[in-house]
Amino acid sequence: MSDSGRSARSGSGSSTAASVSATSASASAATGAGAAREGEDGVDPELWAAVQARLLRSGEWIRLQTALRHKLLECGYLDDLLSLALSTTTTPTSPPGQTHTFPSLLASVQSYGTGRLPDGVRREVEGLLGEWLERNLRAG
């Protein structure tokens, strides 16, 4: 990714999961499915489960995950999160002997991470997922 991609780290506050949910909501609306029962995010839970299962069976989930990981490494996003996590666990203001649990570390890093997902990375992964959805919606 170019330097301009690195400067896009501020992101829009959307997480990839939310983006995927939005894409599947579009697919739901396009197929007419999910109108009867929708989850909190406007996505039919049964449709979402079916899409996830199909992504896993087809191997597309791994391909999307690999592409996302590569893009996040390329733009320095994962290095930034690792630095934040390390600084969180080694804060000098922590009482002596205090240990950090995974849930407490996750809570301290999660909002930082989801709020700074680079827009370009999010759009690219959404595009890959959208292409897969289009191919698979046509295939039935």
C-alpha atoms as a PDB file:
ATOM      1  CA  MET A   1       0.000   0.000   0.000  1.00  0.00           C
ATOM      2  CA  SER A   2       1.268   3.480  -0.734  1.00  0.00           C
ATOM      3  CA  ASP A   3       1.978   6.201   1.802  1.00  0.00           C
ATOM      4  CA  SER A   4      -1.444   7.650   1.058  1.00  0.00           C
ATOM      5  CA  GLY A   5      -2.919   4.355   2.290  1.00  0.00           C
ATOM      6  CA  ARG A   6      -0.917   4.687   5.490  1.00  0.00           C
ATOM      7  CA  SER A   7      -2.337   8.135   6.108  1.00  0.00           C
ATOM      8  CA  ALA A   8      -5.865   6.715   5.859  1.00  0.00           C
ATOM      9  CA  ARG A   9      -5.457   4.957   9.206  1.00  0.00           C
ATOM     10  CA  SER A  10      -7.964   7.191  10.914  1.00  0.00           C
ATOM     11  CA  GLY A  11     -10.821   5.135   9.397  1.00  0.00           C
ATOM     12  CA  SER A  12     -14.500   5.823   9.713  1.00  0.00           C
ATOM     13  CA  GLY A  13     -15.078   3.881  12.902  1.00  0.00           C
ATOM     14  CA  SER A  14     -16.596   0.912  11.082  1.00  0.00           C
ATOM     15  CA  SER A  15     -15.265  -2.517  11.772  1.00  0.00           C
ATOM     16  CA  THR A  16     -14.822  -5.138   9.109  1.00  0.00           C
ATOM     17  CA  ALA A  17     -17.438  -7.288  10.790  1.00  0.00           C
ATOM     18  CA  ALA A  18     -19.934  -4.463  10.593  1.00  0.00           C
ATOM     19  CA  SER A  19     -19.012  -3.941   6.966  1.00  0.00           C
ATOM     20  CA  VAL A  20     -19.528  -7.633   6.252  1.00  0.00           C
ATOM     21  CA  SER A  21     -22.881  -7.443   8.026  1.00  0.00           C
ATOM     22  CA  ALA A  22     -23.862  -4.458   5.917  1.00  0.00           C
ATOM     23  CA  THR A  23     -22.877  -6.309   2.762  1.00  0.00           C
ATOM     24  CA  SER A  24     -24.909  -9.347   3.771  1.00  0.00           C
ATOM     25  CA  ALA A  25     -27.827  -7.060   4.614  1.00  0.00           C
ATOM     26  CA  SER A  26     -27.642  -5.761   1.050  1.00  0.00           C
ATOM     27  CA  ALA A  27     -27.626  -9.340  -0.185  1.00  0.00           C
ATOM     28  CA  SER A  28     -30.618 -10.089   2.011  1.00  0.00           C
ATOM     29  CA  ALA A  29     -32.526  -7.140   0.608  1.00  0.00           C
ATOM     30  CA  ALA A  30     -31.577  -8.081  -2.943  1.00  0.00           C
ATOM     31  CA  THR A  31     -32.873 -11.630  -2.543  1.00  0.00           C
ATOM     32  CA  GLY A  32     -35.938 -10.699  -0.516  1.00  0.00           C
ATOM     33  CA  ALA A  33     -34.764 -12.941   2.328  1.00  0.00           C
ATOM     34  CA  GLY A  34     -34.620 -11.880   5.927  1.00  0.00           C
ATOM     35  CA  ALA A  35     -37.662  -9.655   5.892  1.00  0.00           C
ATOM     36  CA  ALA A  36     -39.427 -11.741   8.526  1.00  0.00           C
ATOM     37  CA  ARG A  37     -36.767 -11.726  11.237  1.00  0.00           C
ATOM     38  CA  GLU A  38     -33.792  -9.414  11.497  1.00  0.00           C
ATOM     39  CA  GLY A  39     -31.067  -9.139  14.120  1.00  0.00           C
ATOM     40  CA  GLU A  40     -29.890  -6.003  15.898  1.00  0.00           C
ATOM     41  CA  ASP A  41     -27.799  -4.916  12.923  1.00  0.00           C
ATOM     42  CA  GLY A  42     -30.612  -5.394  10.399  1.00  0.00           C
ATOM     43  CA  VAL A  43     -29.298  -8.745   9.168  1.00  0.00           C
ATOM     44  CA  ASP A  44     -31.361 -11.917   9.147  1.00  0.00           C
ATOM     45  CA  PRO A  45     -29.429 -14.255  11.511  1.00  0.00           C
ATOM     46  CA  GLU A  46     -30.312 -17.347   9.474  1.00  0.00           C
ATOM     47  CA  LEU A  47     -29.115 -15.746   6.240  1.00  0.00           C
ATOM     48  CA  TRP A  48     -25.916 -14.572   7.928  1.00  0.00           C
ATOM     49  CA  ALA A  49     -25.258 -18.093   9.295  1.00  0.00           C
ATOM     50  CA  ALA A  50     -25.847 -19.579   5.831  1.00  0.00           C
ATOM     51  CA  VAL A  51     -23.463 -17.070   4.207  1.00  0.00           C
ATOM     52  CA  GLN A  52     -20.797 -17.776   6.831  1.00  0.00           C
ATOM     53  CA  ALA A  53     -21.139 -21.538   6.370  1.00  0.00           C
ATOM     54  CA  ARG A  54     -20.857 -21.193   2.603  1.00  0.00           C
ATOM     55  CA  LEU A  55     -17.805 -18.930   2.935  1.00  0.00           C
ATOM     56  CA  LEU A  56     -16.133 -21.545   5.117  1.00  0.00           C
ATOM     57  CA  ARG A  57     -17.061 -24.508   2.889  1.00  0.00           C
ATOM     58  CA  SER A  58     -15.845 -22.785  -0.251  1.00  0.00           C
ATOM     59  CA  GLY A  59     -12.526 -21.718   1.263  1.00  0.00           C
ATOM     60  CA  GLU A  60     -13.388 -18.077   0.582  1.00  0.00           C
ATOM     61  CA  TRP A  61     -13.280 -17.224   4.291  1.00  0.00           C
ATOM     62  CA  ILE A  62      -9.593 -18.174   4.443  1.00  0.00           C
ATOM     63  CA  ARG A  63      -8.849 -16.228   1.260  1.00  0.00           C
ATOM     64  CA  LEU A  64     -10.595 -13.117   2.642  1.00  0.00           C
ATOM     65  CA  GLN A  65      -8.866 -13.513   5.995  1.00  0.00           C
ATOM     66  CA  THR A  66      -5.458 -13.855   4.303  1.00  0.00           C
ATOM     67  CA  ALA A  67      -6.065 -10.801   2.116  1.00  0.00           C
ATOM     68  CA  LEU A  68      -7.171  -8.762   5.136  1.00  0.00           C
ATOM     69  CA  ARG A  69      -4.159  -9.826   7.205  1.00  0.00           C
ATOM     70  CA  HIS A  70      -1.780  -8.963   4.343  1.00  0.00           C
ATOM     71  CA  LYS A  71      -3.307  -5.502   3.859  1.00  0.00           C
ATOM     72  CA  LEU A  72      -3.250  -4.760   7.598  1.00  0.00           C
ATOM     73  CA  LEU A  73       0.401  -5.790   7.848  1.00  0.00           C
ATOM     74  CA  GLU A  74       1.267  -3.760   4.763  1.00  0.00           C
ATOM     75  CA  CYS A  75      -0.184  -0.515   6.145  1.00  0.00           C
ATOM     76  CA  GLY A  76       1.277  -0.922   9.639  1.00  0.00           C
ATOM     77  CA  TYR A  77      -2.090  -1.392  11.349  1.00  0.00           C
ATOM     78  CA  LEU A  78      -1.141  -4.652  13.092  1.00  0.00           C
ATOM     79  CA  ASP A  79       2.162  -3.179  14.294  1.00  0.00           C
ATOM     80  CA  ASP A  80       0.251  -0.240  15.794  1.00  0.00           C
ATOM     81  CA  LEU A  81      -2.137  -2.578  17.634  1.00  0.00           C
ATOM     82  CA  LEU A  82       0.726  -4.710  18.919  1.00  0.00           C
ATOM     83  CA  SER A  83       2.523  -1.606  20.207  1.00  0.00           C
ATOM     84  CA  LEU A  84      -0.643  -0.445  21.952  1.00  0.00           C
ATOM     85  CA  ALA A  85      -1.186  -3.874  23.512  1.00  0.00           C
ATOM     86  CA  LEU A  86       2.410  -4.025  24.727  1.00  0.00           C
ATOM     87  CA  SER A  87       2.262  -0.527  26.181  1.00  0.00           C
ATOM     88  CA  THR A  88      -1.038  -1.382  27.883  1.00  0.00           C
ATOM     89  CA  THR A  89       0.469  -4.422  29.593  1.00  0.00           C
ATOM     90  CA  THR A  90       3.613  -2.605  30.689  1.00  0.00           C
ATOM     91  CA  THR A  91       2.125   0.620  32.078  1.00  0.00           C
ATOM     92  CA  PRO A  92       4.186   1.999  34.926  1.00  0.00           C
ATOM     93  CA  THR A  93       0.990   3.125  36.699  1.00  0.00           C
ATOM     94  CA  SER A  94      -0.181  -0.470  37.173  1.00  0.00           C
ATOM     95  CA  PRO A  95       0.014  -1.651  40.789  1.00  0.00           C
ATOM     96  CA  PRO A  96       2.924  -4.042  41.456  1.00  0.00           C
ATOM     97  CA  GLY A  97       1.986  -7.644  40.778  1.00  0.00           C
ATOM     98  CA  GLN A  98      -1.115  -6.764  38.743  1.00  0.00           C
ATOM     99  CA  THR A  99      -1.584  -9.085  35.820  1.00  0.00           C
ATOM    100  CA  HIS A 100      -3.619  -8.349  32.758  1.00  0.00           C
ATOM    101  CA  THR A 101      -6.157 -10.847  31.537  1.00  0.00           C
ATOM    102  CA  PHE A 102      -6.967 -11.293  27.893  1.00  0.00           C
ATOM    103  CA  PRO A 103     -10.480  -9.821  28.283  1.00  0.00           C
ATOM    104  CA  SER A 104      -9.101  -6.679  29.969  1.00  0.00           C
ATOM    105  CA  LEU A 105      -6.441  -6.265  27.283  1.00  0.00           C
ATOM    106  CA  LEU A 106      -9.008  -6.825  24.533  1.00  0.00           C
ATOM    107  CA  ALA A 107     -11.334  -4.227  26.035  1.00  0.00           C
ATOM    108  CA  SER A 108      -8.559  -1.644  26.167  1.00  0.00           C
ATOM    109  CA  VAL A 109      -7.440  -2.220  22.567  1.00  0.00           C
ATOM    110  CA  GLN A 110     -10.716  -3.040  20.785  1.00  0.00           C
ATOM    111  CA  SER A 111     -12.199   0.430  20.417  1.00  0.00           C
ATOM    112  CA  TYR A 112      -8.830   1.818  19.337  1.00  0.00           C
ATOM    113  CA  GLY A 113      -8.489  -0.890  16.694  1.00  0.00           C
ATOM    114  CA  THR A 114     -11.967  -0.762  15.221  1.00  0.00           C
ATOM    115  CA  GLY A 115     -11.945   3.017  15.060  1.00  0.00           C
ATOM    116  CA  ARG A 116      -8.726   3.105  13.046  1.00  0.00           C
ATOM    117  CA  LEU A 117      -9.290   0.459  10.409  1.00  0.00           C
ATOM    118  CA  PRO A 118      -7.995   2.041   7.184  1.00  0.00           C
ATOM    119  CA  ASP A 119     -10.855   2.919   4.823  1.00  0.00           C
ATOM    120  CA  GLY A 120      -8.981   1.567   1.807  1.00  0.00           C
ATOM    121  CA  VAL A 121      -8.496  -1.825   3.447  1.00  0.00           C
ATOM    122  CA  ARG A 122     -12.132  -1.975   4.539  1.00  0.00           C
ATOM    123  CA  ARG A 123     -13.359  -1.048   1.046  1.00  0.00           C
ATOM    124  CA  GLU A 124     -11.093  -3.600  -0.622  1.00  0.00           C
ATOM    125  CA  VAL A 125     -12.238  -6.468   1.616  1.00  0.00           C
ATOM    126  CA  GLU A 126     -15.877  -5.374   1.255  1.00  0.00           C
ATOM    127  CA  GLY A 127     -15.353  -5.434  -2.517  1.00  0.00           C
ATOM    128  CA  LEU A 128     -13.934  -8.963  -2.417  1.00  0.00           C
ATOM    129  CA  LEU A 129     -16.838 -10.119  -0.275  1.00  0.00           C
ATOM    130  CA  GLY A 130     -19.349  -8.330  -2.504  1.00  0.00           C
ATOM    131  CA  GLU A 131     -17.917 -10.037  -5.602  1.00  0.00           C
ATOM    132  CA  TRP A 132     -18.180 -13.419  -3.879  1.00  0.00           C
ATOM    133  CA  LEU A 133     -21.777 -12.691  -2.845  1.00  0.00           C
ATOM    134  CA  GLU A 134     -22.721 -11.693  -6.397  1.00  0.00           C
ATOM    135  CA  ARG A 135     -21.181 -14.857  -7.860  1.00  0.00           C
ATOM    136  CA  ASN A 136     -22.858 -17.059  -5.278  1.00  0.00           C
ATOM    137  CA  LEU A 137     -26.250 -15.358  -5.347  1.00  0.00           C
ATOM    138  CA  ARG A 138     -26.390 -15.937  -9.087  1.00  0.00           C
ATOM    139  CA  ALA A 139     -25.339 -19.570  -8.621  1.00  0.00           C
ATOM    140  CA  GLY A 140     -28.199 -20.092  -6.175  1.00  0.00           C
END
